[in-house]
Amino acid sequence: MPYTIIDKIYSDYSVLLDYLESNKEISLRNDADNNFKKILLLSIASFFEHEITEGLLRFISKNSNNNQMIYSFAKRKGVDRQYHTYFDWPERKANKFYSLFGDEFKKDIEKEIKSNELLRNSAKDFLEIGFIRNELVHENFAVFPLDKTAKDIYNLYESAIIFVDYLMKKLSS
């Protein structure tokens, strides 16, 4: 798995939290952690949105033989500002996304995920990140009670990125 900006953000903030803890700045450490885990979650969700939308645009470009008219239309009507409609976040399901590529693709991908526990858990964690992101931004961000630690959120990321990579490979094959 390549090192991403998310890994850097997590590493940098972990150093800060460790510093505050070692200097017995527990209140500051707790405040920093409370804000950091929200920022980390939003950063991860944003990173995944970017990866998937860019992957979709590469898919469209490749499969339209770089036809700029098709690309432009698809980007403007199917990709720009549409990411959060691709998945059923409240139900934590990705079937909507799979079905955008036809019944055969949907059936194949569901079969692959069902037969692969790592991929199944990764998809679940990806959808959990998206669900929490929506809760966080549509509720009062400043007081939203995020009951996961930064480490928990980073662990979700490490799992979920497997699913995102899998989707990108499926679209590029």
Protein backbone atom coordinates (compact mmCIF):
# COMPACT_ATOMS: atom_id res chain seq x y z
CA MET A 1 0.00 0.00 0.00
CA PRO A 2 1.49 3.36 -1.01
CA TYR A 3 2.14 6.06 1.55
CA THR A 4 -0.53 8.75 1.14
CA ILE A 5 -1.24 12.22 2.47
CA ILE A 6 -3.50 10.54 5.04
CA ASP A 7 -0.56 8.60 6.44
CA LYS A 8 1.42 11.85 6.70
CA ILE A 9 -1.42 13.68 8.46
CA TYR A 10 -1.85 10.83 10.92
CA SER A 11 1.88 10.59 11.57
CA ASP A 12 2.30 14.34 12.09
CA TYR A 13 -0.62 14.61 14.49
CA SER A 14 0.48 11.52 16.38
CA VAL A 15 3.82 13.21 17.04
CA LEU A 16 1.99 16.30 18.33
CA LEU A 17 -0.28 14.25 20.60
CA ASP A 18 2.67 12.28 21.95
CA TYR A 19 4.54 15.53 22.63
CA LEU A 20 1.62 17.02 24.53
CA GLU A 21 1.18 13.85 26.55
CA SER A 22 4.87 13.53 27.41
CA ASN A 23 4.84 17.15 28.57
CA LYS A 24 1.82 16.46 30.77
CA GLU A 25 -0.41 18.81 28.80
CA ILE A 26 -3.35 16.44 29.14
CA SER A 27 -6.12 19.01 28.59
CA LEU A 28 -4.39 20.35 25.48
CA ARG A 29 -3.75 16.81 24.30
CA ASN A 30 -7.41 15.87 24.73
CA ASP A 31 -8.58 19.00 22.91
CA ALA A 32 -6.11 18.39 20.10
CA ASP A 33 -7.17 14.75 19.84
CA ASN A 34 -10.86 15.65 19.79
CA ASN A 35 -10.30 18.06 16.90
CA PHE A 36 -7.74 15.89 15.15
CA LYS A 37 -9.98 12.85 14.87
CA LYS A 38 -12.67 14.94 13.17
CA ILE A 39 -10.15 16.48 10.79
CA LEU A 40 -8.69 13.04 10.10
CA LEU A 41 -12.10 11.59 9.30
CA LEU A 42 -12.96 14.46 6.93
CA SER A 43 -9.53 14.22 5.31
CA ILE A 44 -10.00 10.51 4.69
CA ALA A 45 -13.50 10.95 3.28
CA SER A 46 -12.27 13.76 1.03
CA PHE A 47 -9.29 11.68 -0.08
CA PHE A 48 -11.58 8.76 -1.01
CA GLU A 49 -13.94 11.08 -2.88
CA HIS A 50 -11.01 12.44 -4.86
CA GLU A 51 -9.61 8.99 -5.63
CA ILE A 52 -12.96 7.61 -6.79
CA THR A 53 -13.98 10.62 -8.86
CA GLU A 54 -10.57 10.77 -10.52
CA GLY A 55 -10.79 7.03 -11.18
CA LEU A 56 -14.20 7.52 -12.76
CA LEU A 57 -12.85 10.27 -14.98
CA ARG A 58 -9.96 8.05 -16.10
CA PHE A 59 -12.50 5.27 -16.81
CA ILE A 60 -14.65 7.64 -18.88
CA SER A 61 -11.68 9.03 -20.78
CA LYS A 62 -10.28 5.58 -21.57
CA ASN A 63 -13.60 4.04 -22.58
CA SER A 64 -14.63 6.99 -24.72
CA ASN A 65 -11.28 6.90 -26.54
CA ASN A 66 -10.53 10.32 -25.06
CA ASN A 67 -13.59 11.84 -26.70
CA GLN A 68 -13.70 15.30 -25.12
CA MET A 69 -17.42 15.76 -25.72
CA ILE A 70 -18.32 12.51 -23.95
CA TYR A 71 -15.80 13.21 -21.21
CA SER A 72 -17.08 16.74 -20.63
CA PHE A 73 -20.72 15.68 -20.56
CA ALA A 74 -20.05 12.77 -18.20
CA LYS A 75 -17.90 14.92 -15.93
CA ARG A 76 -20.45 17.71 -15.69
CA LYS A 77 -23.58 15.58 -15.33
CA GLY A 78 -22.30 12.35 -13.83
CA VAL A 79 -19.21 13.08 -11.75
CA ASP A 80 -18.98 16.70 -10.56
CA ARG A 81 -20.71 17.01 -7.18
CA GLN A 82 -22.31 13.57 -7.54
CA TYR A 83 -20.04 11.43 -5.35
CA HIS A 84 -22.31 11.39 -2.32
CA THR A 85 -25.18 10.10 -4.46
CA TYR A 86 -23.23 7.02 -5.57
CA PHE A 87 -23.55 5.20 -2.26
CA ASP A 88 -26.34 4.57 0.23
CA TRP A 89 -24.51 6.03 3.22
CA PRO A 90 -27.29 5.67 5.84
CA GLU A 91 -27.74 1.99 4.99
CA ARG A 92 -23.99 1.57 4.43
CA LYS A 93 -24.45 -0.09 1.04
CA ALA A 94 -22.51 0.29 -2.21
CA ASN A 95 -25.01 -1.44 -4.52
CA LYS A 96 -26.08 1.90 -6.02
CA PHE A 97 -22.51 2.48 -7.19
CA TYR A 98 -22.10 -1.00 -8.63
CA SER A 99 -25.39 -0.78 -10.52
CA LEU A 100 -24.27 2.42 -12.27
CA PHE A 101 -22.09 0.15 -14.43
CA GLY A 102 -24.83 -2.34 -15.27
CA ASP A 103 -26.34 -5.49 -13.81
CA GLU A 104 -23.47 -7.74 -14.91
CA PHE A 105 -20.83 -5.58 -13.21
CA LYS A 106 -22.99 -5.33 -10.09
CA LYS A 107 -23.47 -9.09 -9.93
CA ASP A 108 -19.76 -9.81 -10.50
CA ILE A 109 -18.49 -7.32 -7.95
CA GLU A 110 -21.00 -8.39 -5.29
CA LYS A 111 -19.95 -12.02 -5.80
CA GLU A 112 -16.26 -11.12 -5.47
CA ILE A 113 -16.81 -9.09 -2.33
CA LYS A 114 -19.05 -11.71 -0.76
CA SER A 115 -16.38 -14.39 -1.27
CA ASN A 116 -13.51 -12.28 0.12
CA GLU A 117 -13.65 -11.46 3.84
CA LEU A 118 -10.88 -8.86 3.68
CA LEU A 119 -12.62 -7.05 0.84
CA ARG A 120 -16.02 -7.37 2.54
CA ASN A 121 -14.64 -5.79 5.73
CA SER A 122 -12.86 -3.14 3.70
CA ALA A 123 -16.10 -2.17 1.91
CA LYS A 124 -17.89 -2.05 5.28
CA ASP A 125 -15.20 0.26 6.69
CA PHE A 126 -15.30 2.49 3.59
CA LEU A 127 -19.05 2.90 3.97
CA GLU A 128 -18.66 3.55 7.71
CA ILE A 129 -16.28 6.42 6.97
CA GLY A 130 -18.74 7.91 4.49
CA PHE A 131 -21.62 7.52 6.93
CA ILE A 132 -19.74 9.17 9.82
CA ARG A 133 -18.55 11.95 7.50
CA ASN A 134 -22.13 12.78 6.61
CA GLU A 135 -23.18 12.75 10.25
CA LEU A 136 -20.25 14.98 11.16
CA VAL A 137 -20.84 17.63 8.51
CA HIS A 138 -24.64 17.66 8.69
CA GLU A 139 -24.76 17.87 12.47
CA ASN A 140 -22.99 20.50 14.54
CA PHE A 141 -19.34 19.77 13.70
CA ALA A 142 -17.99 21.65 16.71
CA VAL A 143 -19.87 19.54 19.25
CA PHE A 144 -20.41 16.32 17.29
CA PRO A 145 -19.66 13.39 19.63
CA LEU A 146 -17.24 11.29 17.59
CA ASP A 147 -16.88 8.18 19.74
CA LYS A 148 -13.87 6.78 17.90
CA THR A 149 -10.25 7.52 18.61
CA ALA A 150 -7.91 8.86 15.96
CA LYS A 151 -6.31 5.40 15.89
CA ASP A 152 -9.74 3.80 15.31
CA ILE A 153 -10.36 6.16 12.41
CA TYR A 154 -6.92 5.54 10.95
CA ASN A 155 -7.55 1.79 11.21
CA LEU A 156 -10.80 2.26 9.27
CA TYR A 157 -8.80 4.11 6.63
CA GLU A 158 -6.16 1.38 6.38
CA SER A 159 -8.91 -1.15 5.83
CA ALA A 160 -11.11 0.99 3.55
CA ILE A 161 -8.32 1.93 1.17
CA ILE A 162 -8.19 -1.72 0.11
CA PHE A 163 -11.76 -1.38 -1.16
CA VAL A 164 -11.03 1.92 -2.92
CA ASP A 165 -7.98 0.39 -4.62
CA TYR A 166 -10.10 -2.60 -5.61
CA LEU A 167 -12.74 -0.37 -7.20
CA MET A 168 -10.09 1.54 -9.13
CA LYS A 169 -8.62 -1.71 -10.44
CA LYS A 170 -12.08 -2.92 -11.49
CA LEU A 171 -12.67 0.29 -13.41
CA SER A 172 -9.29 0.23 -15.09
CA SER A 173 -9.44 -3.39 -16.27
